[in-house]
């Protein structure tokens, strides 16, 4: 809280100065402190917009970590943000943004392309936070189901939540891209040939900046019980970075891989409250939910969905239950398909183009 107050008064003079500057009608600025390179939605949309030569594309990308050096970098990054936000016609975000919520001038339009396809756990203004999220003009979503929750989380009118589909999921609806990704992964990890691949990809617990944690799981035990015909890949939430070391050659560290490329080789997904649950239903493959802390998680973080009665997967509280679900193939593909249909209005490869159409409309008519 104190840090944000200090930051506010340090940035205020910069903001007042930028209010005298001209807004560039064709300037589009992408801002993220989740990633320091173009990935996912940003990569898809940026590439598509590059064909419009008159657009002035700018990028402020930083992977935030809670350290003294990173906080100093973040301060100077915020100064740059104030300038770029208030001289741009369109600002595109993939996460919450302090500067937008405090220092956005009239005439600037902010488009939130949330990094996930939905949310099981509550976020944004629906949880306790240091500042209130506000001043977003539009939010992208995959389904009408998200309008009510996104409206409160982002403090935005439901009419400004646009159902376009999620750009990065275009790749999951393309058989050609899935096959290409599968060949790429098979060449990189020859050990998975003729084996069943289990991907473990959980979300985080706690505060991602101050006190990030994850729910422990004994992957070696699961691997040994499943046997030699299985390989396990783990990919931790991006907030963890690459801090966890691989166990042995048949438990692979996939932290540096694209989750969508990993999906192409995955036979079974083990996750918990992560939104990748929604994405993986596109693959029409089995999902196992490892949630031994379910009651605690619901009480402390809160959820948007009726987890026990909605998710299309067995909910396990022990490693043995996970093993049993995989061994005995305790899955209902029809339920997975129904869940997917509920949360993805568009099941095609055109979400990027629909989002770009929104951006072009803002630039030309607003």
Protein backbone atom coordinates (compact mmCIF):
# COMPACT_ATOMS: atom_id res chain seq x y z
CA UNK A 1 0.00 0.00 0.00
CA UNK A 2 2.74 2.50 1.01
CA UNK A 3 4.75 1.58 -2.08
CA UNK A 4 1.78 2.37 -4.31
CA UNK A 5 1.20 5.74 -2.61
CA UNK A 6 4.85 6.70 -3.11
CA UNK A 7 4.69 5.48 -6.71
CA UNK A 8 1.57 7.57 -7.32
CA UNK A 9 3.18 10.85 -6.26
CA UNK A 10 6.37 10.11 -8.18
CA UNK A 11 4.44 9.39 -11.38
CA UNK A 12 1.93 12.23 -11.06
CA UNK A 13 4.23 14.95 -12.52
CA UNK A 14 5.04 12.68 -15.46
CA UNK A 15 1.34 12.15 -16.10
CA UNK A 16 0.57 15.88 -15.95
CA UNK A 17 3.33 16.51 -18.50
CA UNK A 18 1.99 13.84 -20.88
CA UNK A 19 -1.46 15.44 -20.83
CA UNK A 20 0.02 18.25 -22.96
CA UNK A 21 1.32 15.78 -25.56
CA UNK A 22 -0.54 14.72 -28.67
CA UNK A 23 -2.19 11.31 -28.88
CA UNK A 24 -0.95 9.43 -31.95
CA UNK A 25 -4.06 8.03 -33.65
CA UNK A 26 -2.17 5.02 -35.01
CA UNK A 27 -0.01 4.26 -31.97
CA UNK A 28 -0.74 0.92 -30.29
CA UNK A 29 1.16 -0.04 -27.12
CA UNK A 30 1.33 -3.56 -25.69
CA UNK A 31 2.12 -3.69 -21.95
CA UNK A 32 2.92 -6.74 -19.85
CA UNK A 33 4.79 -7.42 -16.65
CA UNK A 34 4.08 -11.15 -16.95
CA UNK A 35 6.40 -11.71 -19.91
CA UNK A 36 9.54 -10.00 -21.18
CA UNK A 37 9.08 -11.28 -24.75
CA UNK A 38 6.11 -11.46 -27.09
CA UNK A 39 4.15 -14.64 -26.37
CA UNK A 40 0.64 -16.01 -26.56
CA UNK A 41 -2.07 -13.48 -27.32
CA UNK A 42 0.37 -10.60 -27.72
CA UNK A 43 2.41 -12.50 -30.29
CA UNK A 44 -0.63 -13.51 -32.34
CA UNK A 45 -2.20 -10.04 -32.34
CA UNK A 46 1.08 -8.20 -32.91
CA UNK A 47 1.97 -10.32 -35.93
CA UNK A 48 -1.47 -9.77 -37.42
CA UNK A 49 -1.26 -5.99 -36.92
CA UNK A 50 2.18 -5.76 -38.54
CA UNK A 51 0.54 -6.00 -41.95
CA UNK A 52 -1.03 -2.57 -41.34
CA UNK A 53 1.97 -0.39 -42.11
CA UNK A 54 0.46 2.83 -40.77
CA UNK A 55 0.16 1.38 -37.27
CA UNK A 56 2.90 2.37 -34.82
CA UNK A 57 3.37 -0.70 -32.61
CA UNK A 58 5.16 -0.28 -29.27
CA UNK A 59 6.02 -2.82 -26.59
CA UNK A 60 6.68 -2.46 -22.87
CA UNK A 61 7.42 -5.98 -21.69
CA UNK A 62 8.84 -6.91 -18.30
CA UNK A 63 8.75 -10.03 -16.16
CA UNK A 64 8.23 -8.72 -12.65
CA UNK A 65 9.91 -10.31 -9.63
CA UNK A 66 9.84 -9.06 -6.06
CA UNK A 67 13.44 -7.90 -5.62
CA UNK A 68 15.15 -4.55 -5.00
CA UNK A 69 16.69 -4.47 -8.48
CA UNK A 70 13.43 -5.45 -10.14
CA UNK A 71 11.48 -2.83 -8.17
CA UNK A 72 13.89 -0.14 -9.38
CA UNK A 73 13.44 -1.38 -12.96
CA UNK A 74 9.69 -1.42 -12.44
CA UNK A 75 9.70 2.24 -11.37
CA UNK A 76 11.45 3.35 -14.56
CA UNK A 77 9.21 0.99 -16.51
CA UNK A 78 6.18 2.80 -15.01
CA UNK A 79 7.55 6.17 -16.15
CA UNK A 80 7.79 4.77 -19.66
CA UNK A 81 4.28 3.37 -19.33
CA UNK A 82 2.83 6.76 -18.36
CA UNK A 83 4.36 8.32 -21.47
CA UNK A 84 3.38 5.53 -23.87
CA UNK A 85 -0.13 5.07 -22.49
CA UNK A 86 -0.97 8.74 -22.79
CA UNK A 87 0.44 9.16 -26.30
CA UNK A 88 -1.20 5.99 -27.66
CA UNK A 89 -4.67 5.63 -29.12
CA UNK A 90 -4.90 1.96 -28.09
CA UNK A 91 -3.23 0.25 -25.13
CA UNK A 92 -3.36 -3.55 -24.94
CA UNK A 93 -2.86 -5.37 -21.63
CA UNK A 94 -2.57 -9.03 -20.64
CA UNK A 95 -2.65 -8.50 -16.88
CA UNK A 96 -3.70 -5.91 -14.31
CA UNK A 97 -1.95 -2.56 -14.63
CA UNK A 98 -1.36 0.06 -11.95
CA UNK A 99 -0.52 2.89 -14.35
CA UNK A 100 -3.65 2.45 -16.46
CA UNK A 101 -5.79 2.42 -13.31
CA UNK A 102 -4.35 5.73 -12.11
CA UNK A 103 -2.92 7.70 -15.02
CA UNK A 104 -4.96 7.16 -18.19
CA UNK A 105 -6.10 10.33 -19.94
CA UNK A 106 -9.27 10.82 -21.98
CA UNK A 107 -8.96 9.70 -25.58
CA UNK A 108 -6.83 6.65 -24.80
CA UNK A 109 -8.62 3.31 -25.23
CA UNK A 110 -7.52 0.30 -23.18
CA UNK A 111 -8.17 -3.24 -24.38
CA UNK A 112 -7.63 -6.04 -21.86
CA UNK A 113 -6.74 -9.34 -23.54
CA UNK A 114 -6.54 -11.38 -20.35
CA UNK A 115 -3.76 -13.97 -20.48
CA UNK A 116 -6.15 -16.84 -19.64
CA UNK A 117 -9.20 -18.22 -21.42
CA UNK A 118 -11.29 -17.87 -18.29
CA UNK A 119 -10.92 -18.22 -14.55
CA UNK A 120 -11.73 -20.82 -11.93
CA UNK A 121 -10.20 -18.81 -9.10
CA UNK A 122 -11.36 -15.28 -8.34
CA UNK A 123 -9.10 -12.41 -9.39
CA UNK A 124 -8.97 -8.67 -10.02
CA UNK A 125 -11.39 -6.58 -7.97
CA UNK A 126 -13.07 -9.77 -6.70
CA UNK A 127 -10.17 -10.43 -4.33
CA UNK A 128 -8.34 -8.25 -1.81
CA UNK A 129 -5.74 -6.14 -3.60
CA UNK A 130 -3.57 -3.03 -3.14
CA UNK A 131 -5.45 -0.89 -5.67
CA UNK A 132 -8.74 -0.96 -7.55
CA UNK A 133 -8.66 -2.00 -11.20
CA UNK A 134 -10.41 0.56 -13.40
CA UNK A 135 -10.35 2.51 -16.65
CA UNK A 136 -10.49 -0.44 -19.04
CA UNK A 137 -12.58 0.32 -22.11
CA UNK A 138 -12.92 -3.20 -23.50
CA UNK A 139 -12.22 -6.75 -22.35
CA UNK A 140 -11.88 -9.78 -24.62
CA UNK A 141 -13.57 -13.06 -23.63
CA UNK A 142 -14.28 -16.50 -25.07
CA UNK A 143 -17.89 -16.87 -23.93
CA UNK A 144 -20.93 -15.01 -22.64
CA UNK A 145 -20.42 -17.07 -19.46
CA UNK A 146 -17.62 -14.70 -18.44
CA UNK A 147 -19.47 -11.40 -18.74
CA UNK A 148 -20.78 -11.25 -15.18
CA UNK A 149 -17.48 -12.26 -13.55
CA UNK A 150 -15.27 -10.12 -15.79
CA UNK A 151 -17.57 -7.15 -15.20
CA UNK A 152 -16.82 -7.16 -11.47
CA UNK A 153 -13.20 -8.31 -11.73
CA UNK A 154 -12.27 -5.58 -14.22
CA UNK A 155 -14.82 -2.95 -13.11
CA UNK A 156 -16.29 -2.68 -16.60
CA UNK A 157 -19.80 -2.65 -18.05
CA UNK A 158 -20.93 -5.99 -19.47
CA UNK A 159 -21.64 -4.36 -22.84
CA UNK A 160 -17.91 -3.66 -23.22
CA UNK A 161 -16.92 -7.30 -22.75
CA UNK A 162 -16.47 -8.54 -26.30
CA UNK A 163 -16.87 -12.21 -27.22
CA UNK A 164 -14.21 -12.73 -29.88
CA UNK A 165 -12.43 -15.86 -28.72
CA UNK A 166 -8.86 -15.99 -27.42
CA UNK A 167 -6.16 -15.37 -30.08
CA UNK A 168 -3.60 -17.86 -28.76
CA UNK A 169 -6.19 -20.64 -28.93
CA UNK A 170 -6.31 -20.35 -32.72
CA UNK A 171 -3.37 -22.76 -32.65
CA UNK A 172 -5.35 -25.32 -30.65
CA UNK A 173 -8.14 -25.30 -33.23
CA UNK A 174 -5.67 -25.87 -36.09
CA UNK A 175 -4.89 -29.54 -36.80
CA UNK A 176 -2.00 -28.45 -39.00
CA UNK A 177 -0.34 -26.48 -36.19
CA UNK A 178 -0.99 -29.22 -33.64
CA UNK A 179 0.70 -31.78 -35.90
CA UNK A 180 3.66 -29.45 -36.49
CA UNK A 181 4.03 -28.84 -32.75
CA UNK A 182 3.83 -32.57 -32.07
CA UNK A 183 6.63 -33.30 -34.55
CA UNK A 184 8.74 -30.55 -32.98
CA UNK A 185 8.25 -31.89 -29.44
CA UNK A 186 8.84 -35.51 -30.50
CA UNK A 187 12.17 -34.52 -32.05
CA UNK A 188 13.19 -32.55 -28.97
CA UNK A 189 12.15 -35.28 -26.51
CA UNK A 190 12.70 -38.66 -28.22
CA UNK A 191 12.14 -40.39 -24.88
CA UNK A 192 8.37 -39.81 -25.25
CA UNK A 193 8.16 -41.91 -28.42
CA UNK A 194 5.69 -44.79 -27.99
CA UNK A 195 4.89 -43.65 -24.45
CA UNK A 196 1.92 -41.97 -22.83
CA UNK A 197 2.65 -38.40 -21.77
CA UNK A 198 1.25 -37.00 -18.52
CA UNK A 199 1.52 -33.21 -18.19
CA UNK A 200 1.44 -31.74 -14.67
CA UNK A 201 0.62 -28.01 -14.87
CA UNK A 202 -0.76 -26.47 -11.66
CA UNK A 203 -1.57 -22.89 -10.73
CA UNK A 204 0.02 -21.06 -7.80
CA UNK A 205 -1.10 -20.49 -4.22
CA UNK A 206 -0.64 -17.34 -2.17
CA UNK A 207 0.36 -13.92 -3.49
CA UNK A 208 2.30 -14.19 -6.79
CA UNK A 209 4.45 -11.19 -5.84
CA UNK A 210 5.00 -11.58 -2.10
CA UNK A 211 4.37 -15.18 -1.08
CA UNK A 212 3.99 -17.55 -4.02
CA UNK A 213 3.62 -21.27 -3.28
CA UNK A 214 2.42 -24.43 -4.95
CA UNK A 215 0.68 -27.58 -3.74
CA UNK A 216 3.34 -30.31 -3.35
CA UNK A 217 2.88 -33.53 -5.30
CA UNK A 218 5.09 -36.63 -5.43
CA UNK A 219 5.67 -37.00 -9.17
CA UNK A 220 8.30 -39.70 -8.67
CA UNK A 221 5.76 -41.84 -6.81
CA UNK A 222 3.17 -41.34 -9.56
CA UNK A 223 5.73 -42.15 -12.26
CA UNK A 224 6.90 -45.32 -10.53
CA UNK A 225 3.34 -46.55 -9.99
CA UNK A 226 2.26 -45.83 -13.57
CA UNK A 227 5.24 -47.70 -14.97
CA UNK A 228 7.66 -47.42 -17.86
CA UNK A 229 5.03 -46.80 -20.52
CA UNK A 230 4.43 -43.32 -19.07
CA UNK A 231 6.51 -40.13 -19.13
CA UNK A 232 5.71 -37.13 -16.92
CA UNK A 233 6.33 -33.52 -17.95
CA UNK A 234 5.84 -30.72 -15.46
CA UNK A 235 5.29 -27.06 -16.24
CA UNK A 236 4.87 -24.73 -13.30
CA UNK A 237 2.94 -21.46 -13.37
CA UNK A 238 4.96 -18.68 -15.09
CA UNK A 239 5.24 -16.77 -11.80
CA UNK A 240 7.56 -19.53 -10.54
CA UNK A 241 10.04 -18.98 -13.37
CA UNK A 242 12.30 -22.01 -13.81
CA UNK A 243 13.10 -22.71 -10.18
CA UNK A 244 12.31 -26.43 -10.02
CA UNK A 245 14.86 -28.99 -11.16
CA UNK A 246 13.83 -32.10 -13.08
CA UNK A 247 13.87 -35.40 -11.22
CA UNK A 248 15.14 -37.85 -13.84
CA UNK A 249 14.97 -38.30 -17.59
CA UNK A 250 11.40 -39.60 -17.47
CA UNK A 251 10.18 -36.62 -15.43
CA UNK A 252 10.86 -33.75 -17.77
CA UNK A 253 11.17 -30.07 -16.86
CA UNK A 254 8.89 -28.34 -19.36
CA UNK A 255 9.04 -24.87 -17.79
CA UNK A 256 10.70 -23.35 -20.86
CA UNK A 257 8.22 -24.86 -23.32
CA UNK A 258 5.03 -23.33 -24.67
CA UNK A 259 2.04 -24.86 -22.92
CA UNK A 260 0.23 -25.17 -26.25
CA UNK A 261 3.15 -27.05 -27.79
CA UNK A 262 3.15 -29.36 -24.77
CA UNK A 263 -0.58 -29.95 -25.26
CA UNK A 264 0.20 -31.47 -28.67
CA UNK A 265 2.03 -34.41 -27.07
CA UNK A 266 -0.04 -34.71 -23.88
CA UNK A 267 -2.27 -37.73 -23.31
CA UNK A 268 -3.35 -36.79 -19.77
CA UNK A 269 -3.35 -33.39 -18.08
CA UNK A 270 -3.01 -33.09 -14.30
CA UNK A 271 -3.94 -29.63 -13.06
CA UNK A 272 -5.93 -28.04 -10.23
CA UNK A 273 -7.54 -24.59 -10.36
CA UNK A 274 -5.62 -23.37 -13.39
CA UNK A 275 -7.47 -21.84 -16.34
CA UNK A 276 -5.53 -24.14 -18.67
CA UNK A 277 -8.30 -26.59 -17.81
CA UNK A 278 -10.48 -24.61 -20.25
CA UNK A 279 -7.82 -24.61 -22.98
CA UNK A 280 -7.10 -28.32 -22.73
CA UNK A 281 -10.76 -29.24 -23.26
CA UNK A 282 -10.20 -28.09 -26.86
CA UNK A 283 -7.92 -31.13 -27.25
CA UNK A 284 -10.73 -33.50 -26.18
CA UNK A 285 -8.34 -35.48 -23.99
CA UNK A 286 -8.52 -36.69 -20.37
CA UNK A 287 -7.99 -34.32 -17.44
CA UNK A 288 -7.25 -35.16 -13.80
CA UNK A 289 -7.65 -32.54 -11.06
CA UNK A 290 -5.28 -32.83 -8.10
CA UNK A 291 -6.91 -30.67 -5.42
CA UNK A 292 -6.13 -31.88 -1.89
CA UNK A 293 -6.52 -28.31 -0.61
CA UNK A 294 -9.89 -27.68 -2.29
CA UNK A 295 -11.84 -26.55 0.78
CA UNK A 296 -9.04 -24.29 1.97
CA UNK A 297 -8.61 -22.83 -1.52
CA UNK A 298 -12.32 -22.07 -1.86
CA UNK A 299 -12.31 -20.39 1.56
CA UNK A 300 -9.19 -18.27 1.02
CA UNK A 301 -9.22 -17.46 -2.72
CA UNK A 302 -12.79 -18.09 -3.83
CA UNK A 303 -14.07 -19.51 -7.11
CA UNK A 304 -16.30 -18.40 -9.95
CA UNK A 305 -17.63 -21.85 -10.78
CA UNK A 306 -19.22 -24.68 -8.83
CA UNK A 307 -16.01 -26.68 -8.96
CA UNK A 308 -17.22 -30.07 -7.76
CA UNK A 309 -20.32 -30.13 -9.97
CA UNK A 310 -19.00 -28.40 -13.08
CA UNK A 311 -15.46 -29.49 -13.93
CA UNK A 312 -15.28 -32.31 -16.50
CA UNK A 313 -12.69 -34.37 -14.65
CA UNK A 314 -12.20 -36.55 -11.57
CA UNK A 315 -11.16 -34.51 -8.52
CA UNK A 316 -8.40 -36.26 -6.57
CA UNK A 317 -7.03 -35.51 -3.12
CA UNK A 318 -4.15 -38.03 -3.11
CA UNK A 319 -1.50 -39.24 -5.54
CA UNK A 320 -3.05 -42.72 -5.43
CA UNK A 321 -6.37 -41.34 -6.66
CA UNK A 322 -4.54 -39.61 -9.54
CA UNK A 323 -2.88 -42.91 -10.46
CA UNK A 324 -6.19 -44.77 -10.31
CA UNK A 325 -7.91 -42.19 -12.54
CA UNK A 326 -5.19 -42.51 -15.20
CA UNK A 327 -4.82 -46.29 -15.00
CA UNK A 328 -8.56 -46.96 -15.12
CA UNK A 329 -9.30 -44.15 -17.58
CA UNK A 330 -11.96 -42.60 -15.35
CA UNK A 331 -12.98 -39.89 -17.82
CA UNK A 332 -16.10 -38.75 -19.62
CA UNK A 333 -15.17 -37.28 -23.01
CA UNK A 334 -18.79 -36.21 -23.62
CA UNK A 335 -18.64 -34.11 -20.44
CA UNK A 336 -15.36 -32.56 -21.61
CA UNK A 337 -16.93 -31.67 -24.96
CA UNK A 338 -19.99 -30.17 -23.29
CA UNK A 339 -17.79 -28.09 -20.98
CA UNK A 340 -15.76 -26.86 -23.96
CA UNK A 341 -18.90 -25.86 -25.84
CA UNK A 342 -20.09 -23.89 -22.83
CA UNK A 343 -16.91 -21.81 -22.55
CA UNK A 344 -15.87 -21.36 -26.19
CA UNK A 345 -18.40 -19.65 -28.43
CA UNK A 346 -16.00 -19.75 -31.37
CA UNK A 347 -14.18 -22.99 -32.11
CA UNK A 348 -12.17 -21.92 -35.13
CA UNK A 349 -8.86 -20.28 -36.05
CA UNK A 350 -10.22 -16.74 -36.45
CA UNK A 351 -10.11 -15.26 -32.93
CA UNK A 352 -6.98 -13.24 -33.73
CA UNK A 353 -8.70 -11.65 -36.71
CA UNK A 354 -11.80 -10.85 -34.63
CA UNK A 355 -9.64 -9.11 -32.01
CA UNK A 356 -7.76 -7.18 -34.70
CA UNK A 357 -11.10 -6.09 -36.13
CA UNK A 358 -11.97 -4.63 -32.71
CA UNK A 359 -8.64 -2.76 -32.64
CA UNK A 360 -9.08 -1.43 -36.18
CA UNK A 361 -12.58 -0.26 -35.27
CA UNK A 362 -11.29 1.66 -32.24
CA UNK A 363 -8.57 3.36 -34.29
CA UNK A 364 -10.83 4.35 -37.15
CA UNK A 365 -14.02 5.30 -35.32
CA UNK A 366 -13.24 6.24 -31.70
